Amino acid sequence: MESTSVNLLRRLREPHADSAWQRFVDLYAPMIFHWGRRQGLSVTDAADLLQDVLVTLVEKLPSFEYDPSQRFRGWLRTITVNRANDFHRRIQLQPRNGFDATFPQVEERETDLFCEVEYRSILVNRALLLLRTEFRETHWQAAWMQLIEGKKAKQVAEQLNVPINVVYLAKSRLLARLRQELEGLLD
């Protein structure tokens, strides 16, 4: 089974791609939900938006052609913003019951709604959580302590009681898998 996100997008086009869809949802559901909250939706409404977007993706991804010169997240965000705007329009058309249900106009510019740092942070953190099961616990801790906690390799080796080359190798392997998992998505 191929594991990169570009290949994940390709696998979603195949019939009976349940494991690919689960991986996609694991990676992107938190981000879509976050975008919904940034659109001014409540937690409940953002959860509904997430479901709407996923239904749309089930329809559109089987025919989606990945173009490395384009941003996948831009396409995904456009779908999310469009569904959020639809949601806001539906709410505005509902009869009012004494309170003002108007919403500010949703901006279409990604930089106004979701900055690059947030996107990368959410995607990298989700990918790291998904990758954890691929590593022995000691190797995971060695890589985590260096990359996330900022500890020196020598300190990690002493703390985990492993040779220093194990620490360096664990970090290198995790970074390689992370790059592979996020290929084409951190453009």
N, C-alpha and C. Protein backbone atom coordinates (compact mmCIF):
# COMPACT_ATOMS: atom_id res chain seq x y z
N MET A 1 0.84 -1.18 0.00
CA MET A 1 0.00 0.00 0.00
C MET A 1 0.88 1.24 0.00
N GLU A 2 0.61 2.18 -0.91
CA GLU A 2 1.37 3.42 -0.96
C GLU A 2 0.92 4.32 0.18
N SER A 3 1.83 5.13 0.70
CA SER A 3 1.48 5.86 1.91
C SER A 3 1.57 7.37 1.77
N THR A 4 2.06 7.89 0.68
CA THR A 4 2.17 9.33 0.58
C THR A 4 0.81 9.95 0.35
N SER A 5 0.67 11.21 0.71
CA SER A 5 -0.61 11.87 0.57
C SER A 5 -0.99 12.08 -0.89
N VAL A 6 -0.01 12.28 -1.77
CA VAL A 6 -0.32 12.37 -3.19
C VAL A 6 -0.91 11.04 -3.65
N ASN A 7 -0.29 9.96 -3.21
CA ASN A 7 -0.82 8.65 -3.56
C ASN A 7 -2.14 8.38 -2.85
N LEU A 8 -2.30 8.96 -1.67
CA LEU A 8 -3.58 8.84 -0.98
C LEU A 8 -4.68 9.46 -1.83
N LEU A 9 -4.44 10.60 -2.40
CA LEU A 9 -5.42 11.24 -3.28
C LEU A 9 -5.74 10.34 -4.48
N ARG A 10 -4.73 9.70 -4.99
CA ARG A 10 -4.96 8.77 -6.12
C ARG A 10 -5.78 7.56 -5.66
N ARG A 11 -5.47 7.05 -4.47
CA ARG A 11 -6.19 5.87 -3.97
C ARG A 11 -7.66 6.17 -3.72
N LEU A 12 -7.97 7.43 -3.41
CA LEU A 12 -9.37 7.79 -3.16
C LEU A 12 -10.22 7.65 -4.41
N ARG A 13 -9.60 7.61 -5.55
CA ARG A 13 -10.33 7.47 -6.82
C ARG A 13 -10.76 6.03 -7.07
N GLU A 14 -10.16 5.10 -6.35
CA GLU A 14 -10.45 3.69 -6.55
C GLU A 14 -11.73 3.29 -5.83
N PRO A 15 -12.47 2.34 -6.40
CA PRO A 15 -13.65 1.85 -5.68
C PRO A 15 -13.23 1.09 -4.42
N HIS A 16 -14.05 1.12 -3.43
CA HIS A 16 -13.81 0.42 -2.17
C HIS A 16 -12.51 0.86 -1.51
N ALA A 17 -12.29 2.14 -1.47
CA ALA A 17 -11.06 2.70 -0.89
C ALA A 17 -11.28 3.10 0.57
N ASP A 18 -11.86 2.20 1.34
CA ASP A 18 -12.22 2.53 2.72
C ASP A 18 -11.03 2.97 3.57
N SER A 19 -9.91 2.26 3.46
CA SER A 19 -8.76 2.63 4.28
C SER A 19 -8.19 3.98 3.84
N ALA A 20 -8.23 4.27 2.55
CA ALA A 20 -7.75 5.56 2.06
C ALA A 20 -8.66 6.68 2.56
N TRP A 21 -9.97 6.45 2.54
CA TRP A 21 -10.89 7.47 3.04
C TRP A 21 -10.70 7.69 4.54
N GLN A 22 -10.47 6.63 5.28
CA GLN A 22 -10.25 6.79 6.72
C GLN A 22 -8.99 7.61 6.97
N ARG A 23 -7.94 7.34 6.22
CA ARG A 23 -6.69 8.09 6.37
C ARG A 23 -6.92 9.56 6.01
N PHE A 24 -7.66 9.80 4.95
CA PHE A 24 -7.96 11.17 4.53
C PHE A 24 -8.73 11.91 5.63
N VAL A 25 -9.75 11.27 6.17
CA VAL A 25 -10.55 11.89 7.23
C VAL A 25 -9.68 12.15 8.46
N ASP A 26 -8.84 11.20 8.81
CA ASP A 26 -7.95 11.38 9.96
C ASP A 26 -7.04 12.60 9.78
N LEU A 27 -6.56 12.80 8.56
CA LEU A 27 -5.66 13.93 8.29
C LEU A 27 -6.41 15.27 8.18
N TYR A 28 -7.53 15.27 7.49
CA TYR A 28 -8.14 16.54 7.10
C TYR A 28 -9.37 16.97 7.89
N ALA A 29 -10.04 16.08 8.57
CA ALA A 29 -11.23 16.49 9.32
C ALA A 29 -10.95 17.60 10.33
N PRO A 30 -9.87 17.52 11.10
CA PRO A 30 -9.61 18.62 12.04
C PRO A 30 -9.39 19.96 11.34
N MET A 31 -8.78 19.92 10.18
CA MET A 31 -8.52 21.16 9.46
C MET A 31 -9.81 21.74 8.90
N ILE A 32 -10.66 20.92 8.32
CA ILE A 32 -11.94 21.39 7.78
C ILE A 32 -12.79 21.95 8.92
N PHE A 33 -12.80 21.26 10.05
CA PHE A 33 -13.54 21.74 11.22
C PHE A 33 -13.00 23.11 11.65
N HIS A 34 -11.68 23.23 11.70
CA HIS A 34 -11.05 24.50 12.09
C HIS A 34 -11.43 25.62 11.13
N TRP A 35 -11.40 25.32 9.84
CA TRP A 35 -11.81 26.33 8.86
C TRP A 35 -13.25 26.75 9.09
N GLY A 36 -14.11 25.79 9.43
CA GLY A 36 -15.51 26.12 9.72
C GLY A 36 -15.64 27.04 10.91
N ARG A 37 -14.87 26.78 11.95
CA ARG A 37 -14.90 27.65 13.13
C ARG A 37 -14.39 29.04 12.77
N ARG A 38 -13.37 29.09 11.92
CA ARG A 38 -12.84 30.39 11.48
C ARG A 38 -13.85 31.15 10.62
N GLN A 39 -14.81 30.45 10.07
CA GLN A 39 -15.87 31.07 9.28
C GLN A 39 -16.98 31.63 10.18
N GLY A 40 -16.82 31.49 11.48
CA GLY A 40 -17.80 32.02 12.42
C GLY A 40 -18.88 31.04 12.82
N LEU A 41 -18.68 29.77 12.52
CA LEU A 41 -19.68 28.76 12.86
C LEU A 41 -19.48 28.26 14.29
N SER A 42 -20.58 27.89 14.92
CA SER A 42 -20.49 27.28 16.25
C SER A 42 -19.87 25.90 16.11
N VAL A 43 -19.56 25.28 17.23
CA VAL A 43 -18.98 23.93 17.20
C VAL A 43 -19.93 22.96 16.49
N THR A 44 -21.21 23.04 16.82
CA THR A 44 -22.19 22.15 16.20
C THR A 44 -22.31 22.41 14.70
N ASP A 45 -22.37 23.69 14.34
CA ASP A 45 -22.49 24.03 12.92
C ASP A 45 -21.22 23.67 12.15
N ALA A 46 -20.05 23.83 12.78
CA ALA A 46 -18.79 23.45 12.12
C ALA A 46 -18.75 21.94 11.92
N ALA A 47 -19.29 21.17 12.86
CA ALA A 47 -19.36 19.71 12.69
C ALA A 47 -20.29 19.35 11.53
N ASP A 48 -21.41 20.07 11.41
CA ASP A 48 -22.31 19.86 10.27
C ASP A 48 -21.62 20.23 8.96
N LEU A 49 -20.88 21.34 8.98
CA LEU A 49 -20.14 21.76 7.80
C LEU A 49 -19.14 20.68 7.41
N LEU A 50 -18.44 20.12 8.37
CA LEU A 50 -17.48 19.05 8.09
C LEU A 50 -18.17 17.91 7.35
N GLN A 51 -19.34 17.51 7.82
CA GLN A 51 -20.07 16.43 7.16
C GLN A 51 -20.46 16.82 5.73
N ASP A 52 -20.91 18.06 5.55
CA ASP A 52 -21.26 18.53 4.20
C ASP A 52 -20.06 18.49 3.27
N VAL A 53 -18.92 18.94 3.77
CA VAL A 53 -17.71 18.95 2.95
C VAL A 53 -17.29 17.53 2.61
N LEU A 54 -17.37 16.63 3.58
CA LEU A 54 -16.99 15.23 3.31
C LEU A 54 -17.91 14.59 2.27
N VAL A 55 -19.19 14.91 2.33
CA VAL A 55 -20.12 14.39 1.31
C VAL A 55 -19.73 14.92 -0.06
N THR A 56 -19.41 16.20 -0.13
CA THR A 56 -18.97 16.80 -1.39
C THR A 56 -17.71 16.12 -1.89
N LEU A 57 -16.77 15.85 -0.98
CA LEU A 57 -15.51 15.21 -1.37
C LEU A 57 -15.73 13.78 -1.87
N VAL A 58 -16.66 13.06 -1.26
CA VAL A 58 -16.98 11.71 -1.73
C VAL A 58 -17.43 11.78 -3.19
N GLU A 59 -18.16 12.84 -3.53
CA GLU A 59 -18.62 13.01 -4.91
C GLU A 59 -17.50 13.46 -5.84
N LYS A 60 -16.64 14.38 -5.37
CA LYS A 60 -15.67 15.03 -6.25
C LYS A 60 -14.30 14.36 -6.32
N LEU A 61 -13.83 13.76 -5.22
CA LEU A 61 -12.47 13.21 -5.22
C LEU A 61 -12.26 12.05 -6.19
N PRO A 62 -13.25 11.19 -6.43
CA PRO A 62 -12.99 10.12 -7.40
C PRO A 62 -12.61 10.64 -8.79
N SER A 63 -13.03 11.83 -9.15
CA SER A 63 -12.66 12.37 -10.45
C SER A 63 -11.60 13.48 -10.34
N PHE A 64 -11.11 13.71 -9.14
CA PHE A 64 -10.12 14.77 -8.91
C PHE A 64 -8.78 14.36 -9.50
N GLU A 65 -8.17 15.26 -10.27
CA GLU A 65 -6.85 15.03 -10.84
C GLU A 65 -5.87 15.93 -10.11
N TYR A 66 -4.92 15.34 -9.39
CA TYR A 66 -3.94 16.13 -8.67
C TYR A 66 -3.00 16.82 -9.65
N ASP A 67 -2.84 18.11 -9.49
CA ASP A 67 -1.93 18.91 -10.30
C ASP A 67 -0.87 19.49 -9.38
N PRO A 68 0.38 19.02 -9.48
CA PRO A 68 1.43 19.50 -8.57
C PRO A 68 1.66 21.00 -8.62
N SER A 69 1.24 21.66 -9.70
CA SER A 69 1.42 23.11 -9.79
C SER A 69 0.32 23.87 -9.04
N GLN A 70 -0.70 23.17 -8.59
CA GLN A 70 -1.80 23.78 -7.84
C GLN A 70 -1.76 23.29 -6.40
N ARG A 71 -2.38 24.04 -5.53
CA ARG A 71 -2.43 23.65 -4.12
C ARG A 71 -3.70 22.84 -3.85
N PHE A 72 -3.52 21.63 -3.35
CA PHE A 72 -4.68 20.82 -2.97
C PHE A 72 -5.47 21.52 -1.88
N ARG A 73 -4.76 22.08 -0.90
CA ARG A 73 -5.46 22.72 0.21
C ARG A 73 -6.30 23.90 -0.27
N GLY A 74 -5.86 24.59 -1.33
CA GLY A 74 -6.66 25.69 -1.87
C GLY A 74 -7.98 25.19 -2.41
N TRP A 75 -7.93 24.06 -3.10
CA TRP A 75 -9.15 23.44 -3.63
C TRP A 75 -10.06 23.00 -2.48
N LEU A 76 -9.46 22.35 -1.49
CA LEU A 76 -10.22 21.88 -0.34
C LEU A 76 -10.82 23.05 0.45
N ARG A 77 -10.05 24.10 0.62
CA ARG A 77 -10.52 25.27 1.34
C ARG A 77 -11.64 25.97 0.58
N THR A 78 -11.53 26.03 -0.74
CA THR A 78 -12.59 26.64 -1.56
C THR A 78 -13.90 25.89 -1.36
N ILE A 79 -13.83 24.57 -1.37
CA ILE A 79 -15.04 23.77 -1.13
C ILE A 79 -15.60 24.09 0.25
N THR A 80 -14.73 24.16 1.25
CA THR A 80 -15.16 24.43 2.63
C THR A 80 -15.80 25.82 2.75
N VAL A 81 -15.17 26.83 2.17
CA VAL A 81 -15.70 28.19 2.23
C VAL A 81 -17.04 28.27 1.51
N ASN A 82 -17.14 27.62 0.35
CA ASN A 82 -18.41 27.62 -0.37
C ASN A 82 -19.53 26.98 0.44
N ARG A 83 -19.22 25.85 1.09
CA ARG A 83 -20.24 25.19 1.92
C ARG A 83 -20.59 26.06 3.13
N ALA A 84 -19.60 26.75 3.71
CA ALA A 84 -19.87 27.65 4.84
C ALA A 84 -20.76 28.81 4.39
N ASN A 85 -20.48 29.36 3.22
CA ASN A 85 -21.33 30.44 2.70
C ASN A 85 -22.75 29.95 2.46
N ASP A 86 -22.88 28.73 1.92
CA ASP A 86 -24.22 28.13 1.75
C ASP A 86 -24.92 28.02 3.09
N PHE A 87 -24.19 27.58 4.09
CA PHE A 87 -24.74 27.43 5.43
C PHE A 87 -25.23 28.78 5.96
N HIS A 88 -24.41 29.82 5.81
CA HIS A 88 -24.80 31.16 6.26
C HIS A 88 -26.05 31.65 5.52
N ARG A 89 -26.12 31.40 4.22
CA ARG A 89 -27.31 31.81 3.45
C ARG A 89 -28.55 31.08 3.93
N ARG A 90 -28.43 29.79 4.20
CA ARG A 90 -29.59 29.03 4.69
C ARG A 90 -30.08 29.60 6.02
N ILE A 91 -29.15 29.94 6.89
CA ILE A 91 -29.53 30.50 8.20
C ILE A 91 -30.22 31.85 8.02
N GLN A 92 -29.70 32.67 7.12
CA GLN A 92 -30.31 33.99 6.91
C GLN A 92 -31.70 33.89 6.31
N LEU A 93 -31.99 32.82 5.58
CA LEU A 93 -33.31 32.64 4.98
C LEU A 93 -34.33 32.07 5.95
N GLN A 94 -33.87 31.54 7.09
CA GLN A 94 -34.79 30.97 8.07
C GLN A 94 -35.54 32.10 8.77
N PRO A 95 -36.80 31.83 9.16
CA PRO A 95 -37.56 32.85 9.90
C PRO A 95 -36.84 33.21 11.20
N ARG A 96 -36.86 34.48 11.51
CA ARG A 96 -36.17 34.97 12.71
C ARG A 96 -37.10 34.83 13.91
N ASN A 97 -36.52 34.54 15.05
CA ASN A 97 -37.32 34.38 16.26
C ASN A 97 -36.89 35.38 17.33
N GLY A 98 -36.70 36.63 16.93
CA GLY A 98 -36.42 37.67 17.90
C GLY A 98 -34.96 38.02 18.07
N PHE A 99 -34.07 37.29 17.48
CA PHE A 99 -32.65 37.67 17.59
C PHE A 99 -32.06 37.81 16.20
N ASP A 100 -31.03 38.59 16.11
CA ASP A 100 -30.40 38.87 14.83
C ASP A 100 -29.45 37.74 14.47
N ALA A 101 -29.73 37.07 13.38
CA ALA A 101 -28.91 35.94 12.95
C ALA A 101 -28.04 36.30 11.76
N THR A 102 -27.76 37.58 11.58
CA THR A 102 -26.92 37.96 10.44
C THR A 102 -25.47 37.64 10.74
N PHE A 103 -24.72 37.32 9.70
CA PHE A 103 -23.33 36.96 9.83
C PHE A 103 -22.50 37.88 8.96
N PRO A 104 -21.28 38.11 9.38
CA PRO A 104 -20.42 38.93 8.52
C PRO A 104 -20.14 38.20 7.21
N GLN A 105 -19.89 38.96 6.16
CA GLN A 105 -19.54 38.38 4.87
C GLN A 105 -18.25 37.59 5.03
N VAL A 106 -18.24 36.38 4.52
CA VAL A 106 -17.07 35.52 4.63
C VAL A 106 -16.06 35.92 3.55
N GLU A 107 -14.85 36.16 3.96
CA GLU A 107 -13.79 36.52 3.03
C GLU A 107 -13.36 35.29 2.25
N GLU A 108 -12.98 35.47 1.02
CA GLU A 108 -12.54 34.38 0.18
C GLU A 108 -11.02 34.18 0.20
N ARG A 109 -10.30 35.10 0.78
CA ARG A 109 -8.84 35.03 0.73
C ARG A 109 -8.31 34.14 1.84
N GLU A 110 -7.52 33.17 1.47
CA GLU A 110 -6.95 32.23 2.44
C GLU A 110 -6.12 32.94 3.49
N THR A 111 -5.37 33.95 3.11
CA THR A 111 -4.50 34.60 4.07
C THR A 111 -5.29 35.28 5.17
N ASP A 112 -6.52 35.70 4.89
CA ASP A 112 -7.35 36.34 5.91
C ASP A 112 -7.96 35.32 6.87
N LEU A 113 -8.17 34.11 6.43
CA LEU A 113 -8.88 33.13 7.24
C LEU A 113 -7.99 32.08 7.88
N PHE A 114 -6.96 31.71 7.19
CA PHE A 114 -6.18 30.59 7.69
C PHE A 114 -4.75 30.75 7.24
N CYS A 115 -3.91 31.17 8.13
CA CYS A 115 -2.53 31.47 7.72
C CYS A 115 -1.74 30.19 7.50
N GLU A 116 -0.67 30.35 6.78
CA GLU A 116 0.21 29.23 6.41
C GLU A 116 0.70 28.46 7.63
N VAL A 117 1.05 29.16 8.68
CA VAL A 117 1.58 28.50 9.88
C VAL A 117 0.54 27.58 10.50
N GLU A 118 -0.70 28.03 10.57
CA GLU A 118 -1.76 27.19 11.14
C GLU A 118 -1.99 25.95 10.29
N TYR A 119 -2.03 26.13 8.98
CA TYR A 119 -2.24 25.00 8.08
C TYR A 119 -1.15 23.95 8.29
N ARG A 120 0.09 24.39 8.24
CA ARG A 120 1.21 23.46 8.39
C ARG A 120 1.20 22.78 9.76
N SER A 121 0.90 23.55 10.77
CA SER A 121 0.90 23.01 12.13
C SER A 121 -0.15 21.92 12.29
N ILE A 122 -1.35 22.18 11.84
CA ILE A 122 -2.42 21.18 11.96
C ILE A 122 -2.08 19.94 11.16
N LEU A 123 -1.65 20.12 9.92
CA LEU A 123 -1.37 18.96 9.08
C LEU A 123 -0.20 18.14 9.60
N VAL A 124 0.87 18.81 10.01
CA VAL A 124 2.03 18.09 10.53
C VAL A 124 1.68 17.36 11.83
N ASN A 125 0.96 18.02 12.72
CA ASN A 125 0.58 17.36 13.98
C ASN A 125 -0.30 16.15 13.75
N ARG A 126 -1.27 16.26 12.83
CA ARG A 126 -2.13 15.11 12.53
C ARG A 126 -1.31 13.97 11.92
N ALA A 127 -0.42 14.31 11.00
CA ALA A 127 0.40 13.28 10.37
C ALA A 127 1.29 12.60 11.40
N LEU A 128 1.86 13.37 12.31
CA LEU A 128 2.70 12.78 13.36
C LEU A 128 1.91 11.80 14.21
N LEU A 129 0.70 12.18 14.57
CA LEU A 129 -0.14 11.26 15.37
C LEU A 129 -0.43 9.98 14.61
N LEU A 130 -0.68 10.10 13.32
CA LEU A 130 -0.98 8.91 12.52
C LEU A 130 0.27 8.04 12.32
N LEU A 131 1.43 8.66 12.25
CA LEU A 131 2.67 7.91 12.02
C LEU A 131 3.19 7.22 13.27
N ARG A 132 2.75 7.63 14.41
CA ARG A 132 3.30 7.08 15.67
C ARG A 132 3.24 5.56 15.72
N THR A 133 2.18 5.00 15.19
CA THR A 133 2.01 3.54 15.26
C THR A 133 3.03 2.79 14.40
N GLU A 134 3.74 3.49 13.52
CA GLU A 134 4.71 2.84 12.65
C GLU A 134 6.08 2.69 13.30
N PHE A 135 6.26 3.24 14.50
CA PHE A 135 7.57 3.25 15.14
C PHE A 135 7.53 2.54 16.48
N ARG A 136 8.66 1.91 16.84
CA ARG A 136 8.79 1.36 18.18
C ARG A 136 8.74 2.53 19.16
N GLU A 137 8.24 2.27 20.34
CA GLU A 137 8.05 3.34 21.31
C GLU A 137 9.35 4.08 21.64
N THR A 138 10.43 3.36 21.81
CA THR A 138 11.72 4.00 22.12
C THR A 138 12.17 4.90 20.97
N HIS A 139 11.99 4.43 19.74
CA HIS A 139 12.37 5.23 18.58
C HIS A 139 11.48 6.46 18.47
N TRP A 140 10.19 6.27 18.71
CA TRP A 140 9.28 7.40 18.67
C TRP A 140 9.69 8.46 19.71
N GLN A 141 9.94 8.02 20.93
CA GLN A 141 10.33 8.95 21.98
C GLN A 141 11.63 9.67 21.64
N ALA A 142 12.58 8.93 21.07
CA ALA A 142 13.86 9.54 20.71
C ALA A 142 13.66 10.64 19.67
N ALA A 143 12.86 10.37 18.65
CA ALA A 143 12.61 11.37 17.62
C ALA A 143 11.80 12.54 18.19
N TRP A 144 10.77 12.23 18.95
CA TRP A 144 9.90 13.26 19.54
C TRP A 144 10.70 14.21 20.44
N MET A 145 11.53 13.63 21.28
CA MET A 145 12.29 14.45 22.23
C MET A 145 13.24 15.41 21.50
N GLN A 146 13.77 14.97 20.37
CA GLN A 146 14.65 15.86 19.60
C GLN A 146 13.86 16.89 18.82
N LEU A 147 12.87 16.44 18.08
CA LEU A 147 12.14 17.32 17.17
C LEU A 147 11.18 18.27 17.88
N ILE A 148 10.43 17.77 18.82
CA ILE A 148 9.37 18.56 19.44
C ILE A 148 9.85 19.22 20.73
N GLU A 149 10.55 18.45 21.55
CA GLU A 149 11.00 18.99 22.83
C GLU A 149 12.33 19.74 22.72
N GLY A 150 13.02 19.59 21.58
CA GLY A 150 14.25 20.33 21.35
C GLY A 150 15.45 19.86 22.15
N LYS A 151 15.43 18.62 22.60
CA LYS A 151 16.55 18.09 23.38
C LYS A 151 17.69 17.66 22.46
N LYS A 152 18.89 17.73 22.97
CA LYS A 152 20.09 17.30 22.23
C LYS A 152 20.12 15.77 22.17
N ALA A 153 20.70 15.25 21.09
CA ALA A 153 20.75 13.80 20.88
C ALA A 153 21.44 13.09 22.04
N LYS A 154 22.51 13.66 22.53
CA LYS A 154 23.25 13.03 23.63
C LYS A 154 22.36 12.92 24.87
N GLN A 155 21.62 13.97 25.17
CA GLN A 155 20.72 13.97 26.32
C GLN A 155 19.62 12.92 26.16
N VAL A 156 19.07 12.82 24.94
CA VAL A 156 18.02 11.84 24.67
C VAL A 156 18.56 10.43 24.83
N ALA A 157 19.75 10.19 24.29
CA ALA A 157 20.35 8.85 24.39
C ALA A 157 20.55 8.45 25.85
N GLU A 158 21.03 9.38 26.65
CA GLU A 158 21.23 9.09 28.07
C GLU A 158 19.90 8.85 28.77
N GLN A 159 18.93 9.67 28.47
CA GLN A 159 17.62 9.55 29.13
C GLN A 159 16.93 8.23 28.77
N LEU A 160 17.05 7.81 27.52
CA LEU A 160 16.38 6.58 27.07
C LEU A 160 17.28 5.35 27.19
N ASN A 161 18.54 5.59 27.57
CA ASN A 161 19.51 4.51 27.72
C ASN A 161 19.66 3.70 26.42
N VAL A 162 19.90 4.45 25.33
CA VAL A 162 20.13 3.84 24.02
C VAL A 162 21.37 4.48 23.41
N PRO A 163 22.00 3.80 22.46
CA PRO A 163 23.15 4.41 21.79
C PRO A 163 22.73 5.67 21.02
N ILE A 164 23.64 6.61 20.91
CA ILE A 164 23.32 7.88 20.27
C ILE A 164 22.95 7.70 18.80
N ASN A 165 23.53 6.68 18.13
CA ASN A 165 23.17 6.46 16.73
C ASN A 165 21.70 6.04 16.57
N VAL A 166 21.14 5.37 17.57
CA VAL A 166 19.72 5.03 17.55
C VAL A 166 18.87 6.31 17.58
N VAL A 167 19.31 7.27 18.35
CA VAL A 167 18.60 8.54 18.46
C VAL A 167 18.62 9.28 17.13
N TYR A 168 19.80 9.39 16.52
CA TYR A 168 19.91 10.06 15.23
C TYR A 168 19.09 9.34 14.15
N LEU A 169 19.17 8.03 14.15
CA LEU A 169 18.45 7.23 13.16
C LEU A 169 16.94 7.38 13.34
N ALA A 170 16.46 7.38 14.56
CA ALA A 170 15.03 7.53 14.82
C ALA A 170 14.52 8.86 14.28
N LYS A 171 15.26 9.92 14.54
CA LYS A 171 14.88 11.25 14.05
C LYS A 171 14.86 11.27 12.53
N SER A 172 15.89 10.72 11.92
CA SER A 172 16.00 10.71 10.47
C SER A 172 14.85 9.93 9.83
N ARG A 173 14.53 8.78 10.39
CA ARG A 173 13.44 7.96 9.83
C ARG A 173 12.08 8.62 10.00
N LEU A 174 11.86 9.25 11.13
CA LEU A 174 10.58 9.93 11.33
C LEU A 174 10.44 11.10 10.36
N LEU A 175 11.49 11.87 10.20
CA LEU A 175 11.43 12.99 9.26
C LEU A 175 11.20 12.51 7.83
N ALA A 176 11.84 11.40 7.46
CA ALA A 176 11.66 10.86 6.10
C ALA A 176 10.21 10.42 5.90
N ARG A 177 9.64 9.73 6.89
CA ARG A 177 8.23 9.29 6.77
C ARG A 177 7.28 10.48 6.76
N LEU A 178 7.59 11.50 7.54
CA LEU A 178 6.74 12.69 7.57
C LEU A 178 6.78 13.39 6.21
N ARG A 179 7.95 13.51 5.63
CA ARG A 179 8.05 14.11 4.28
C ARG A 179 7.26 13.29 3.27
N GLN A 180 7.36 11.98 3.37
CA GLN A 180 6.65 11.11 2.45
C GLN A 180 5.14 11.25 2.64
N GLU A 181 4.71 11.26 3.87
CA GLU A 181 3.27 11.35 4.17
C GLU A 181 2.68 12.66 3.68
N LEU A 182 3.45 13.72 3.76
CA LEU A 182 2.93 15.06 3.41
C LEU A 182 3.37 15.53 2.03
N GLU A 183 3.92 14.63 1.23
CA GLU A 183 4.40 14.99 -0.10
C GLU A 183 3.30 15.70 -0.90
N GLY A 184 3.62 16.86 -1.41
CA GLY A 184 2.68 17.60 -2.25
C GLY A 184 1.66 18.42 -1.48
N LEU A 185 1.63 18.30 -0.16
CA LEU A 185 0.60 19.00 0.61
C LEU A 185 1.13 20.19 1.35
N LEU A 186 2.43 20.32 1.45
CA LEU A 186 3.03 21.48 2.12
C LEU A 186 3.73 22.36 1.09
N ASP A 187 3.06 22.57 -0.04
CA ASP A 187 3.64 23.37 -1.11
C ASP A 187 3.64 24.84 -0.78
